[in-house]
Amino acid sequence: MIQFSKQDKEFIMENFENAKDIFTEQDIKKVLRVIDDLIMYKGFDENYNLNDLGRKAQRVYDSIYYNNANPADGL
């Protein structure tokens, strides 16, 4: 089971219509890919710098990654 912090859950609930599906997903790579897609599509300003949403999403991505990374899985 993928572990999410309180801040991770709040961010996902605020930014994804399919939050329930994200919370029940068993493949961490799929969860991280969804967050990465959000960063790529909405997380940059016109100069390709991270905007506020991008920085928040990156923190959530990193949190989920580090709280669930298993070296044996190649993460």
PDB file of N, CA and C in Angstrom:
ATOM      1  N   MET A   1       0.840  -1.182   0.000  1.00  0.00           N
ATOM      2  CA  MET A   1       0.000   0.000   0.000  1.00  0.00           C
ATOM      3  C   MET A   1       0.886   1.246   0.000  1.00  0.00           C
ATOM      4  N   ILE A   2       0.534   2.173  -0.835  1.00  0.00           N
ATOM      5  CA  ILE A   2       1.306   3.413  -0.934  1.00  0.00           C
ATOM      6  C   ILE A   2       0.954   4.328   0.232  1.00  0.00           C
ATOM      7  N   GLN A   3       1.977   4.880   0.853  1.00  0.00           N
ATOM      8  CA  GLN A   3       1.764   5.778   1.981  1.00  0.00           C
ATOM      9  C   GLN A   3       1.743   7.225   1.498  1.00  0.00           C
ATOM     10  N   PHE A   4       0.736   7.963   1.951  1.00  0.00           N
ATOM     11  CA  PHE A   4       0.580   9.375   1.632  1.00  0.00           C
ATOM     12  C   PHE A   4       0.563  10.162   2.930  1.00  0.00           C
ATOM     13  N   SER A   5       1.284  11.274   2.973  1.00  0.00           N
ATOM     14  CA  SER A   5       1.210  12.153   4.137  1.00  0.00           C
ATOM     15  C   SER A   5      -0.102  12.939   4.083  1.00  0.00           C
ATOM     16  N   LYS A   6      -0.412  13.596   5.153  1.00  0.00           N
ATOM     17  CA  LYS A   6      -1.618  14.429   5.199  1.00  0.00           C
ATOM     18  C   LYS A   6      -1.560  15.497   4.108  1.00  0.00           C
ATOM     19  N   GLN A   7      -0.404  16.125   3.930  1.00  0.00           N
ATOM     20  CA  GLN A   7      -0.242  17.163   2.910  1.00  0.00           C
ATOM     21  C   GLN A   7      -0.387  16.584   1.503  1.00  0.00           C
ATOM     22  N   ASP A   8       0.135  15.376   1.301  1.00  0.00           N
ATOM     23  CA  ASP A   8      -0.012  14.712   0.006  1.00  0.00           C
ATOM     24  C   ASP A   8      -1.487  14.517  -0.312  1.00  0.00           C
ATOM     25  N   LYS A   9      -2.221  13.994   0.646  1.00  0.00           N
ATOM     26  CA  LYS A   9      -3.652  13.716   0.452  1.00  0.00           C
ATOM     27  C   LYS A   9      -4.421  14.997   0.151  1.00  0.00           C
ATOM     28  N   GLU A  10      -4.140  16.051   0.903  1.00  0.00           N
ATOM     29  CA  GLU A  10      -4.842  17.325   0.690  1.00  0.00           C
ATOM     30  C   GLU A  10      -4.582  17.856  -0.716  1.00  0.00           C
ATOM     31  N   PHE A  11      -3.328  17.804  -1.153  1.00  0.00           N
ATOM     32  CA  PHE A  11      -2.978  18.297  -2.482  1.00  0.00           C
ATOM     33  C   PHE A  11      -3.679  17.473  -3.561  1.00  0.00           C
ATOM     34  N   ILE A  12      -3.651  16.173  -3.432  1.00  0.00           N
ATOM     35  CA  ILE A  12      -4.276  15.303  -4.428  1.00  0.00           C
ATOM     36  C   ILE A  12      -5.778  15.531  -4.475  1.00  0.00           C
ATOM     37  N   MET A  13      -6.415  15.652  -3.330  1.00  0.00           N
ATOM     38  CA  MET A  13      -7.869  15.889  -3.310  1.00  0.00           C
ATOM     39  C   MET A  13      -8.235  17.225  -3.954  1.00  0.00           C
ATOM     40  N   GLU A  14      -7.382  18.229  -3.800  1.00  0.00           N
ATOM     41  CA  GLU A  14      -7.647  19.550  -4.366  1.00  0.00           C
ATOM     42  C   GLU A  14      -7.398  19.626  -5.869  1.00  0.00           C
ATOM     43  N   ASN A  15      -6.539  18.762  -6.400  1.00  0.00           N
ATOM     44  CA  ASN A  15      -6.083  18.922  -7.771  1.00  0.00           C
ATOM     45  C   ASN A  15      -6.442  17.798  -8.740  1.00  0.00           C
ATOM     46  N   PHE A  16      -7.036  16.733  -8.238  1.00  0.00           N
ATOM     47  CA  PHE A  16      -7.374  15.612  -9.102  1.00  0.00           C
ATOM     48  C   PHE A  16      -8.816  15.168  -8.878  1.00  0.00           C
ATOM     49  N   GLU A  17      -9.577  15.090  -9.953  1.00  0.00           N
ATOM     50  CA  GLU A  17     -10.953  14.608  -9.861  1.00  0.00           C
ATOM     51  C   GLU A  17     -10.984  13.122  -9.507  1.00  0.00           C
ATOM     52  N   ASN A  18      -9.953  12.402  -9.890  1.00  0.00           N
ATOM     53  CA  ASN A  18      -9.889  10.961  -9.644  1.00  0.00           C
ATOM     54  C   ASN A  18      -9.036  10.637  -8.409  1.00  0.00           C
ATOM     55  N   ALA A  19      -9.114  11.478  -7.394  1.00  0.00           N
ATOM     56  CA  ALA A  19      -8.292  11.300  -6.191  1.00  0.00           C
ATOM     57  C   ALA A  19      -8.494   9.920  -5.573  1.00  0.00           C
ATOM     58  N   LYS A  20      -9.726   9.443  -5.547  1.00  0.00           N
ATOM     59  CA  LYS A  20     -10.000   8.132  -4.951  1.00  0.00           C
ATOM     60  C   LYS A  20      -9.210   7.043  -5.672  1.00  0.00           C
ATOM     61  N   ASP A  21      -9.160   7.123  -6.999  1.00  0.00           N
ATOM     62  CA  ASP A  21      -8.401   6.140  -7.776  1.00  0.00           C
ATOM     63  C   ASP A  21      -6.911   6.220  -7.471  1.00  0.00           C
ATOM     64  N   ILE A  22      -6.422   7.433  -7.283  1.00  0.00           N
ATOM     65  CA  ILE A  22      -5.001   7.614  -6.960  1.00  0.00           C
ATOM     66  C   ILE A  22      -4.689   6.990  -5.606  1.00  0.00           C
ATOM     67  N   PHE A  23      -5.569   7.187  -4.629  1.00  0.00           N
ATOM     68  CA  PHE A  23      -5.328   6.653  -3.285  1.00  0.00           C
ATOM     69  C   PHE A  23      -5.407   5.132  -3.229  1.00  0.00           C
ATOM     70  N   THR A  24      -6.128   4.523  -4.139  1.00  0.00           N
ATOM     71  CA  THR A  24      -6.250   3.065  -4.129  1.00  0.00           C
ATOM     72  C   THR A  24      -5.274   2.380  -5.079  1.00  0.00           C
ATOM     73  N   GLU A  25      -4.548   3.156  -5.864  1.00  0.00           N
ATOM     74  CA  GLU A  25      -3.566   2.591  -6.803  1.00  0.00           C
ATOM     75  C   GLU A  25      -2.458   1.887  -6.033  1.00  0.00           C
ATOM     76  N   GLN A  26      -2.051   0.739  -6.521  1.00  0.00           N
ATOM     77  CA  GLN A  26      -0.988  -0.036  -5.874  1.00  0.00           C
ATOM     78  C   GLN A  26       0.380   0.154  -6.522  1.00  0.00           C
ATOM     79  N   ASP A  27       0.412   0.715  -7.706  1.00  0.00           N
ATOM     80  CA  ASP A  27       1.666   0.904  -8.437  1.00  0.00           C
ATOM     81  C   ASP A  27       2.158   2.342  -8.236  1.00  0.00           C
ATOM     82  N   ILE A  28       3.224   2.489  -7.470  1.00  0.00           N
ATOM     83  CA  ILE A  28       3.734   3.823  -7.162  1.00  0.00           C
ATOM     84  C   ILE A  28       4.147   4.573  -8.425  1.00  0.00           C
ATOM     85  N   LYS A  29       4.639   3.850  -9.420  1.00  0.00           N
ATOM     86  CA  LYS A  29       5.055   4.512 -10.653  1.00  0.00           C
ATOM     87  C   LYS A  29       3.878   5.190 -11.346  1.00  0.00           C
ATOM     88  N   LYS A  30       2.704   4.598 -11.279  1.00  0.00           N
ATOM     89  CA  LYS A  30       1.511   5.207 -11.873  1.00  0.00           C
ATOM     90  C   LYS A  30       1.116   6.469 -11.117  1.00  0.00           C
ATOM     91  N   VAL A  31       1.196   6.427  -9.802  1.00  0.00           N
ATOM     92  CA  VAL A  31       0.867   7.606  -8.987  1.00  0.00           C
ATOM     93  C   VAL A  31       1.836   8.741  -9.301  1.00  0.00           C
ATOM     94  N   LEU A  32       3.108   8.416  -9.335  1.00  0.00           N
ATOM     95  CA  LEU A  32       4.109   9.444  -9.627  1.00  0.00           C
ATOM     96  C   LEU A  32       3.937   9.993 -11.037  1.00  0.00           C
ATOM     97  N   ARG A  33       3.563   9.159 -11.979  1.00  0.00           N
ATOM     98  CA  ARG A  33       3.364   9.605 -13.358  1.00  0.00           C
ATOM     99  C   ARG A  33       2.206  10.602 -13.450  1.00  0.00           C
ATOM    100  N   VAL A  34       1.140  10.353 -12.701  1.00  0.00           N
ATOM    101  CA  VAL A  34      -0.007  11.264 -12.705  1.00  0.00           C
ATOM    102  C   VAL A  34       0.407  12.640 -12.177  1.00  0.00           C
ATOM    103  N   ILE A  35       1.182  12.659 -11.109  1.00  0.00           N
ATOM    104  CA  ILE A  35       1.634  13.926 -10.537  1.00  0.00           C
ATOM    105  C   ILE A  35       2.615  14.607 -11.491  1.00  0.00           C
ATOM    106  N   ASP A  36       3.484  13.840 -12.109  1.00  0.00           N
ATOM    107  CA  ASP A  36       4.415  14.405 -13.081  1.00  0.00           C
ATOM    108  C   ASP A  36       3.660  15.020 -14.262  1.00  0.00           C
ATOM    109  N   ASP A  37       2.607  14.369 -14.706  1.00  0.00           N
ATOM    110  CA  ASP A  37       1.800  14.922 -15.801  1.00  0.00           C
ATOM    111  C   ASP A  37       1.214  16.279 -15.411  1.00  0.00           C
ATOM    112  N   LEU A  38       0.744  16.394 -14.169  1.00  0.00           N
ATOM    113  CA  LEU A  38       0.208  17.674 -13.699  1.00  0.00           C
ATOM    114  C   LEU A  38       1.302  18.742 -13.733  1.00  0.00           C
ATOM    115  N   ILE A  39       2.492  18.384 -13.273  1.00  0.00           N
ATOM    116  CA  ILE A  39       3.600  19.339 -13.283  1.00  0.00           C
ATOM    117  C   ILE A  39       3.899  19.776 -14.714  1.00  0.00           C
ATOM    118  N   MET A  40       3.952  18.827 -15.626  1.00  0.00           N
ATOM    119  CA  MET A  40       4.293  19.145 -17.017  1.00  0.00           C
ATOM    120  C   MET A  40       3.244  20.019 -17.696  1.00  0.00           C
ATOM    121  N   TYR A  41       1.965  19.815 -17.383  1.00  0.00           N
ATOM    122  CA  TYR A  41       0.902  20.553 -18.066  1.00  0.00           C
ATOM    123  C   TYR A  41       0.499  21.859 -17.389  1.00  0.00           C
ATOM    124  N   LYS A  42       0.646  21.933 -16.063  1.00  0.00           N
ATOM    125  CA  LYS A  42       0.169  23.128 -15.364  1.00  0.00           C
ATOM    126  C   LYS A  42       1.200  23.735 -14.410  1.00  0.00           C
ATOM    127  N   GLY A  43       2.371  23.127 -14.315  1.00  0.00           N
ATOM    128  CA  GLY A  43       3.319  23.517 -13.279  1.00  0.00           C
ATOM    129  C   GLY A  43       4.395  24.499 -13.665  1.00  0.00           C
ATOM    130  N   PHE A  44       4.306  25.045 -14.880  1.00  0.00           N
ATOM    131  CA  PHE A  44       5.337  25.987 -15.324  1.00  0.00           C
ATOM    132  C   PHE A  44       4.719  27.303 -15.762  1.00  0.00           C
ATOM    133  N   ASP A  45       5.471  28.385 -15.589  1.00  0.00           N
ATOM    134  CA  ASP A  45       5.026  29.678 -16.085  1.00  0.00           C
ATOM    135  C   ASP A  45       5.497  29.859 -17.528  1.00  0.00           C
ATOM    136  N   GLU A  46       5.274  31.039 -18.073  1.00  0.00           N
ATOM    137  CA  GLU A  46       5.610  31.303 -19.477  1.00  0.00           C
ATOM    138  C   GLU A  46       7.115  31.254 -19.755  1.00  0.00           C
ATOM    139  N   ASN A  47       7.940  31.343 -18.704  1.00  0.00           N
ATOM    140  CA  ASN A  47       9.394  31.264 -18.860  1.00  0.00           C
ATOM    141  C   ASN A  47       9.940  29.869 -18.524  1.00  0.00           C
ATOM    142  N   TYR A  48       9.054  28.919 -18.392  1.00  0.00           N
ATOM    143  CA  TYR A  48       9.410  27.532 -18.069  1.00  0.00           C
ATOM    144  C   TYR A  48      10.069  27.386 -16.704  1.00  0.00           C
ATOM    145  N   ASN A  49       9.667  28.244 -15.788  1.00  0.00           N
ATOM    146  CA  ASN A  49      10.059  28.107 -14.391  1.00  0.00           C
ATOM    147  C   ASN A  49       8.871  27.515 -13.650  1.00  0.00           C
ATOM    148  N   LEU A  50       9.149  26.729 -12.617  1.00  0.00           N
ATOM    149  CA  LEU A  50       8.041  26.185 -11.833  1.00  0.00           C
ATOM    150  C   LEU A  50       7.219  27.321 -11.241  1.00  0.00           C
ATOM    151  N   ASN A  51       5.907  27.220 -11.359  1.00  0.00           N
ATOM    152  CA  ASN A  51       5.014  28.170 -10.710  1.00  0.00           C
ATOM    153  C   ASN A  51       4.640  27.603  -9.342  1.00  0.00           C
ATOM    154  N   ASP A  52       3.736  28.276  -8.622  1.00  0.00           N
ATOM    155  CA  ASP A  52       3.364  27.814  -7.283  1.00  0.00           C
ATOM    156  C   ASP A  52       2.808  26.397  -7.305  1.00  0.00           C
ATOM    157  N   LEU A  53       1.921  26.116  -8.254  1.00  0.00           N
ATOM    158  CA  LEU A  53       1.352  24.775  -8.360  1.00  0.00           C
ATOM    159  C   LEU A  53       2.450  23.760  -8.651  1.00  0.00           C
ATOM    160  N   GLY A  54       3.353  24.090  -9.525  1.00  0.00           N
ATOM    161  CA  GLY A  54       4.449  23.183  -9.862  1.00  0.00           C
ATOM    162  C   GLY A  54       5.341  22.874  -8.676  1.00  0.00           C
ATOM    163  N   ARG A  55       5.632  23.885  -7.868  1.00  0.00           N
ATOM    164  CA  ARG A  55       6.467  23.662  -6.688  1.00  0.00           C
ATOM    165  C   ARG A  55       5.746  22.785  -5.665  1.00  0.00           C
ATOM    166  N   LYS A  56       4.458  23.037  -5.459  1.00  0.00           N
ATOM    167  CA  LYS A  56       3.685  22.203  -4.531  1.00  0.00           C
ATOM    168  C   LYS A  56       3.608  20.770  -5.031  1.00  0.00           C
ATOM    169  N   ALA A  57       3.327  20.609  -6.316  1.00  0.00           N
ATOM    170  CA  ALA A  57       3.226  19.266  -6.899  1.00  0.00           C
ATOM    171  C   ALA A  57       4.567  18.543  -6.804  1.00  0.00           C
ATOM    172  N   GLN A  58       5.656  19.244  -7.013  1.00  0.00           N
ATOM    173  CA  GLN A  58       6.979  18.620  -6.920  1.00  0.00           C
ATOM    174  C   GLN A  58       7.264  18.159  -5.499  1.00  0.00           C
ATOM    175  N   ARG A  59       6.852  18.946  -4.511  1.00  0.00           N
ATOM    176  CA  ARG A  59       7.041  18.541  -3.110  1.00  0.00           C
ATOM    177  C   ARG A  59       6.235  17.274  -2.803  1.00  0.00           C
ATOM    178  N   VAL A  60       5.009  17.197  -3.334  1.00  0.00           N
ATOM    179  CA  VAL A  60       4.179  16.006  -3.126  1.00  0.00           C
ATOM    180  C   VAL A  60       4.818  14.805  -3.822  1.00  0.00           C
ATOM    181  N   TYR A  61       5.258  15.000  -5.043  1.00  0.00           N
ATOM    182  CA  TYR A  61       5.941  13.935  -5.796  1.00  0.00           C
ATOM    183  C   TYR A  61       7.118  13.407  -4.978  1.00  0.00           C
ATOM    184  N   ASP A  62       7.966  14.315  -4.499  1.00  0.00           N
ATOM    185  CA  ASP A  62       9.149  13.920  -3.730  1.00  0.00           C
ATOM    186  C   ASP A  62       8.766  13.204  -2.439  1.00  0.00           C
ATOM    187  N   SER A  63       7.744  13.702  -1.767  1.00  0.00           N
ATOM    188  CA  SER A  63       7.284  13.094  -0.522  1.00  0.00           C
ATOM    189  C   SER A  63       6.828  11.659  -0.758  1.00  0.00           C
ATOM    190  N   ILE A  64       6.010  11.464  -1.762  1.00  0.00           N
ATOM    191  CA  ILE A  64       5.518  10.117  -2.059  1.00  0.00           C
ATOM    192  C   ILE A  64       6.684   9.218  -2.464  1.00  0.00           C
ATOM    193  N   TYR A  65       7.557   9.736  -3.287  1.00  0.00           N
ATOM    194  CA  TYR A  65       8.708   8.948  -3.736  1.00  0.00           C
ATOM    195  C   TYR A  65       9.551   8.494  -2.548  1.00  0.00           C
ATOM    196  N   TYR A  66       9.965   9.420  -1.700  1.00  0.00           N
ATOM    197  CA  TYR A  66      10.865   9.085  -0.604  1.00  0.00           C
ATOM    198  C   TYR A  66      10.192   8.264   0.490  1.00  0.00           C
ATOM    199  N   ASN A  67       8.894   8.448   0.694  1.00  0.00           N
ATOM    200  CA  ASN A  67       8.196   7.678   1.720  1.00  0.00           C
ATOM    201  C   ASN A  67       7.862   6.264   1.271  1.00  0.00           C
ATOM    202  N   ASN A  68       8.021   5.983  -0.014  1.00  0.00           N
ATOM    203  CA  ASN A  68       7.645   4.674  -0.535  1.00  0.00           C
ATOM    204  C   ASN A  68       8.728   3.991  -1.359  1.00  0.00           C
ATOM    205  N   ALA A  69       9.848   4.634  -1.550  1.00  0.00           N
ATOM    206  CA  ALA A  69      10.907   4.078  -2.395  1.00  0.00           C
ATOM    207  C   ALA A  69      11.477   2.805  -1.792  1.00  0.00           C
ATOM    208  N   ASN A  70      11.656   1.855  -2.670  1.00  0.00           N
ATOM    209  CA  ASN A  70      12.263   0.585  -2.294  1.00  0.00           C
ATOM    210  C   ASN A  70      13.387   0.329  -3.285  1.00  0.00           C
ATOM    211  N   PRO A  71      14.637   0.336  -2.840  1.00  0.00           N
ATOM    212  CA  PRO A  71      15.746   0.141  -3.783  1.00  0.00           C
ATOM    213  C   PRO A  71      15.613  -1.116  -4.636  1.00  0.00           C
ATOM    214  N   ALA A  72      14.978  -2.131  -4.113  1.00  0.00           N
ATOM    215  CA  ALA A  72      14.806  -3.373  -4.865  1.00  0.00           C
ATOM    216  C   ALA A  72      13.883  -3.194  -6.058  1.00  0.00           C
ATOM    217  N   ASP A  73      13.005  -2.183  -6.003  1.00  0.00           N
ATOM    218  CA  ASP A  73      12.086  -1.912  -7.102  1.00  0.00           C
ATOM    219  C   ASP A  73      12.703  -1.019  -8.171  1.00  0.00           C
ATOM    220  N   GLY A  74      13.878  -0.535  -7.932  1.00  0.00           N
ATOM    221  CA  GLY A  74      14.531   0.329  -8.892  1.00  0.00           C
ATOM    222  C   GLY A  74      14.040   1.763  -8.855  1.00  0.00           C
ATOM    223  N   LEU A  75      13.430   2.161  -7.771  1.00  0.00           N
ATOM    224  CA  LEU A  75      12.964   3.546  -7.637  1.00  0.00           C
ATOM    225  C   LEU A  75      14.053   4.396  -7.037  1.00  0.00           C
TER     226      LEU A  75
END
